[in-house]
Amino acid sequence: MGGPAVAWILLVMAGLFEVAFTTFLRFADGFRNLWPTLGFLASATLSFFFLERAARAIPIGLAYAVWVGIGAVGTILVGRLFFAEPLSPAQLALVAVLLAAIVGLRLVTPA
């Protein structure tokens, strides 16, 4: 597959596609809107594909935690930046802690 560095890149890609599928989900309207539904399905498929590939080199529990974290942070930021969803200073600080935890997991994981 290319080693641990490639696995981490695949894991980040999986997390970014998770952000994409949650964003498409916002517009799918109970899966009644065709294009957002197709975008959701494509993004979800790619997200799980890259997660599975990454988990071949990264322990699944760690890969899952990072995947969920990237998806959560990314989805919160998309909501705030593109949909004007509220984000209090305390919430923003906790999102920063979550982001720091994701980076920290990468830094303490041996190659």
C-alpha atoms as a PDB file:
ATOM      1  CA  MET A   1       0.000   0.000   0.000  1.00  0.00           C
ATOM      2  CA  GLY A   2       2.908   2.373   0.450  1.00  0.00           C
ATOM      3  CA  GLY A   3       3.571   2.406   4.171  1.00  0.00           C
ATOM      4  CA  PRO A   4       2.297   4.312   7.179  1.00  0.00           C
ATOM      5  CA  ALA A   5       2.617   7.764   5.619  1.00  0.00           C
ATOM      6  CA  VAL A   6       0.333   6.750   2.764  1.00  0.00           C
ATOM      7  CA  ALA A   7      -2.098   5.182   5.236  1.00  0.00           C
ATOM      8  CA  TRP A   8      -2.360   8.475   7.109  1.00  0.00           C
ATOM      9  CA  ILE A   9      -2.963  10.365   3.872  1.00  0.00           C
ATOM     10  CA  LEU A  10      -5.728   7.879   3.018  1.00  0.00           C
ATOM     11  CA  LEU A  11      -7.187   8.357   6.493  1.00  0.00           C
ATOM     12  CA  VAL A  12      -7.286  12.140   6.050  1.00  0.00           C
ATOM     13  CA  MET A  13      -8.965  11.643   2.667  1.00  0.00           C
ATOM     14  CA  ALA A  14     -11.520   9.355   4.334  1.00  0.00           C
ATOM     15  CA  GLY A  15     -12.238  12.062   6.903  1.00  0.00           C
ATOM     16  CA  LEU A  16     -12.632  14.727   4.222  1.00  0.00           C
ATOM     17  CA  PHE A  17     -15.081  12.549   2.313  1.00  0.00           C
ATOM     18  CA  GLU A  18     -16.961  12.125   5.590  1.00  0.00           C
ATOM     19  CA  VAL A  19     -17.319  15.904   5.721  1.00  0.00           C
ATOM     20  CA  ALA A  20     -18.557  15.804   2.121  1.00  0.00           C
ATOM     21  CA  PHE A  21     -21.180  13.151   2.819  1.00  0.00           C
ATOM     22  CA  THR A  22     -22.534  14.998   5.850  1.00  0.00           C
ATOM     23  CA  THR A  23     -22.736  18.163   3.764  1.00  0.00           C
ATOM     24  CA  PHE A  24     -24.602  16.375   0.958  1.00  0.00           C
ATOM     25  CA  LEU A  25     -26.864  14.826   3.586  1.00  0.00           C
ATOM     26  CA  ARG A  26     -27.970  18.338   4.539  1.00  0.00           C
ATOM     27  CA  PHE A  27     -29.432  18.790   1.049  1.00  0.00           C
ATOM     28  CA  ALA A  28     -30.708  15.264   0.389  1.00  0.00           C
ATOM     29  CA  ASP A  29     -34.100  15.987   2.017  1.00  0.00           C
ATOM     30  CA  GLY A  30     -34.827  12.451   3.111  1.00  0.00           C
ATOM     31  CA  PHE A  31     -33.063  11.188  -0.023  1.00  0.00           C
ATOM     32  CA  ARG A  32     -35.736  12.794  -2.211  1.00  0.00           C
ATOM     33  CA  ASN A  33     -33.268  15.150  -3.986  1.00  0.00           C
ATOM     34  CA  LEU A  34     -31.387  13.158  -6.599  1.00  0.00           C
ATOM     35  CA  TRP A  35     -28.063  14.998  -6.938  1.00  0.00           C
ATOM     36  CA  PRO A  36     -27.401  15.512  -3.227  1.00  0.00           C
ATOM     37  CA  THR A  37     -28.382  11.876  -2.644  1.00  0.00           C
ATOM     38  CA  LEU A  38     -25.930  10.715  -5.318  1.00  0.00           C
ATOM     39  CA  GLY A  39     -23.275  13.013  -3.832  1.00  0.00           C
ATOM     40  CA  PHE A  40     -23.943  11.519  -0.412  1.00  0.00           C
ATOM     41  CA  LEU A  41     -23.683   7.949  -1.725  1.00  0.00           C
ATOM     42  CA  ALA A  42     -20.484   8.644  -3.676  1.00  0.00           C
ATOM     43  CA  SER A  43     -18.845  10.499  -0.778  1.00  0.00           C
ATOM     44  CA  ALA A  44     -19.859   7.869   1.775  1.00  0.00           C
ATOM     45  CA  THR A  45     -18.550   5.094  -0.456  1.00  0.00           C
ATOM     46  CA  LEU A  46     -15.206   6.851  -0.932  1.00  0.00           C
ATOM     47  CA  SER A  47     -14.976   7.677   2.767  1.00  0.00           C
ATOM     48  CA  PHE A  48     -15.449   4.057   3.804  1.00  0.00           C
ATOM     49  CA  PHE A  49     -13.150   2.837   1.019  1.00  0.00           C
ATOM     50  CA  PHE A  50     -10.286   5.080   2.169  1.00  0.00           C
ATOM     51  CA  LEU A  51     -10.960   4.246   5.837  1.00  0.00           C
ATOM     52  CA  GLU A  52     -10.737   0.533   5.064  1.00  0.00           C
ATOM     53  CA  ARG A  53      -7.497   1.016   3.136  1.00  0.00           C
ATOM     54  CA  ALA A  54      -5.963   3.122   5.910  1.00  0.00           C
ATOM     55  CA  ALA A  55      -7.005   0.568   8.532  1.00  0.00           C
ATOM     56  CA  ARG A  56      -4.796  -2.007   6.844  1.00  0.00           C
ATOM     57  CA  ALA A  57      -1.765  -0.155   8.268  1.00  0.00           C
ATOM     58  CA  ILE A  58      -3.260   1.806  11.180  1.00  0.00           C
ATOM     59  CA  PRO A  59      -5.018  -0.004  14.051  1.00  0.00           C
ATOM     60  CA  ILE A  60      -8.771   0.149  13.435  1.00  0.00           C
ATOM     61  CA  GLY A  61      -9.612   1.787  16.761  1.00  0.00           C
ATOM     62  CA  LEU A  62      -7.122   4.556  16.141  1.00  0.00           C
ATOM     63  CA  ALA A  63      -8.144   4.940  12.487  1.00  0.00           C
ATOM     64  CA  TYR A  64     -11.803   5.135  13.467  1.00  0.00           C
ATOM     65  CA  ALA A  65     -11.161   7.738  16.185  1.00  0.00           C
ATOM     66  CA  VAL A  66      -9.193   9.942  13.780  1.00  0.00           C
ATOM     67  CA  TRP A  67     -11.783   9.470  10.999  1.00  0.00           C
ATOM     68  CA  VAL A  68     -14.631  10.479  13.301  1.00  0.00           C
ATOM     69  CA  GLY A  69     -12.608  13.414  14.640  1.00  0.00           C
ATOM     70  CA  ILE A  70     -11.788  14.771  11.187  1.00  0.00           C
ATOM     71  CA  GLY A  71     -15.409  14.358  10.175  1.00  0.00           C
ATOM     72  CA  ALA A  72     -16.696  16.075  13.304  1.00  0.00           C
ATOM     73  CA  VAL A  73     -14.297  19.027  13.143  1.00  0.00           C
ATOM     74  CA  GLY A  74     -14.773  19.413   9.399  1.00  0.00           C
ATOM     75  CA  THR A  75     -18.551  19.220   9.581  1.00  0.00           C
ATOM     76  CA  ILE A  76     -18.670  21.771  12.393  1.00  0.00           C
ATOM     77  CA  LEU A  77     -16.467  24.149  10.384  1.00  0.00           C
ATOM     78  CA  VAL A  78     -18.535  23.688   7.203  1.00  0.00           C
ATOM     79  CA  GLY A  79     -21.686  24.389   9.203  1.00  0.00           C
ATOM     80  CA  ARG A  80     -20.206  27.543  10.648  1.00  0.00           C
ATOM     81  CA  LEU A  81     -18.508  28.881   7.508  1.00  0.00           C
ATOM     82  CA  PHE A  82     -21.109  28.023   4.865  1.00  0.00           C
ATOM     83  CA  PHE A  83     -24.407  27.766   6.741  1.00  0.00           C
ATOM     84  CA  ALA A  84     -23.891  30.355   9.511  1.00  0.00           C
ATOM     85  CA  GLU A  85     -24.537  27.782  12.217  1.00  0.00           C
ATOM     86  CA  PRO A  86     -23.796  29.169  15.668  1.00  0.00           C
ATOM     87  CA  LEU A  87     -20.523  28.312  17.377  1.00  0.00           C
ATOM     88  CA  SER A  88     -19.890  29.762  20.814  1.00  0.00           C
ATOM     89  CA  PRO A  89     -16.379  30.547  22.070  1.00  0.00           C
ATOM     90  CA  ALA A  90     -16.591  27.540  24.408  1.00  0.00           C
ATOM     91  CA  GLN A  91     -17.630  25.262  21.529  1.00  0.00           C
ATOM     92  CA  LEU A  92     -14.831  26.641  19.366  1.00  0.00           C
ATOM     93  CA  ALA A  93     -12.327  25.953  22.153  1.00  0.00           C
ATOM     94  CA  LEU A  94     -13.570  22.369  22.459  1.00  0.00           C
ATOM     95  CA  VAL A  95     -13.324  21.879  18.686  1.00  0.00           C
ATOM     96  CA  ALA A  96      -9.712  23.091  18.961  1.00  0.00           C
ATOM     97  CA  VAL A  97      -9.118  20.477  21.680  1.00  0.00           C
ATOM     98  CA  LEU A  98     -10.584  17.811  19.399  1.00  0.00           C
ATOM     99  CA  LEU A  99      -8.328  18.930  16.559  1.00  0.00           C
ATOM    100  CA  ALA A 100      -5.322  18.884  18.894  1.00  0.00           C
ATOM    101  CA  ALA A 101      -6.258  15.337  19.955  1.00  0.00           C
ATOM    102  CA  ILE A 102      -6.356  14.206  16.310  1.00  0.00           C
ATOM    103  CA  VAL A 103      -2.918  15.701  15.639  1.00  0.00           C
ATOM    104  CA  GLY A 104      -1.654  14.282  18.925  1.00  0.00           C
ATOM    105  CA  LEU A 105      -2.799  10.784  17.995  1.00  0.00           C
ATOM    106  CA  ARG A 106      -0.820  11.040  14.782  1.00  0.00           C
ATOM    107  CA  LEU A 107       2.282  12.323  16.582  1.00  0.00           C
ATOM    108  CA  VAL A 108       2.334   9.574  19.209  1.00  0.00           C
ATOM    109  CA  THR A 109       1.600   6.718  16.799  1.00  0.00           C
ATOM    110  CA  PRO A 110       4.800   4.875  15.877  1.00  0.00           C
ATOM    111  CA  ALA A 111       5.584   4.509  12.183  1.00  0.00           C
END
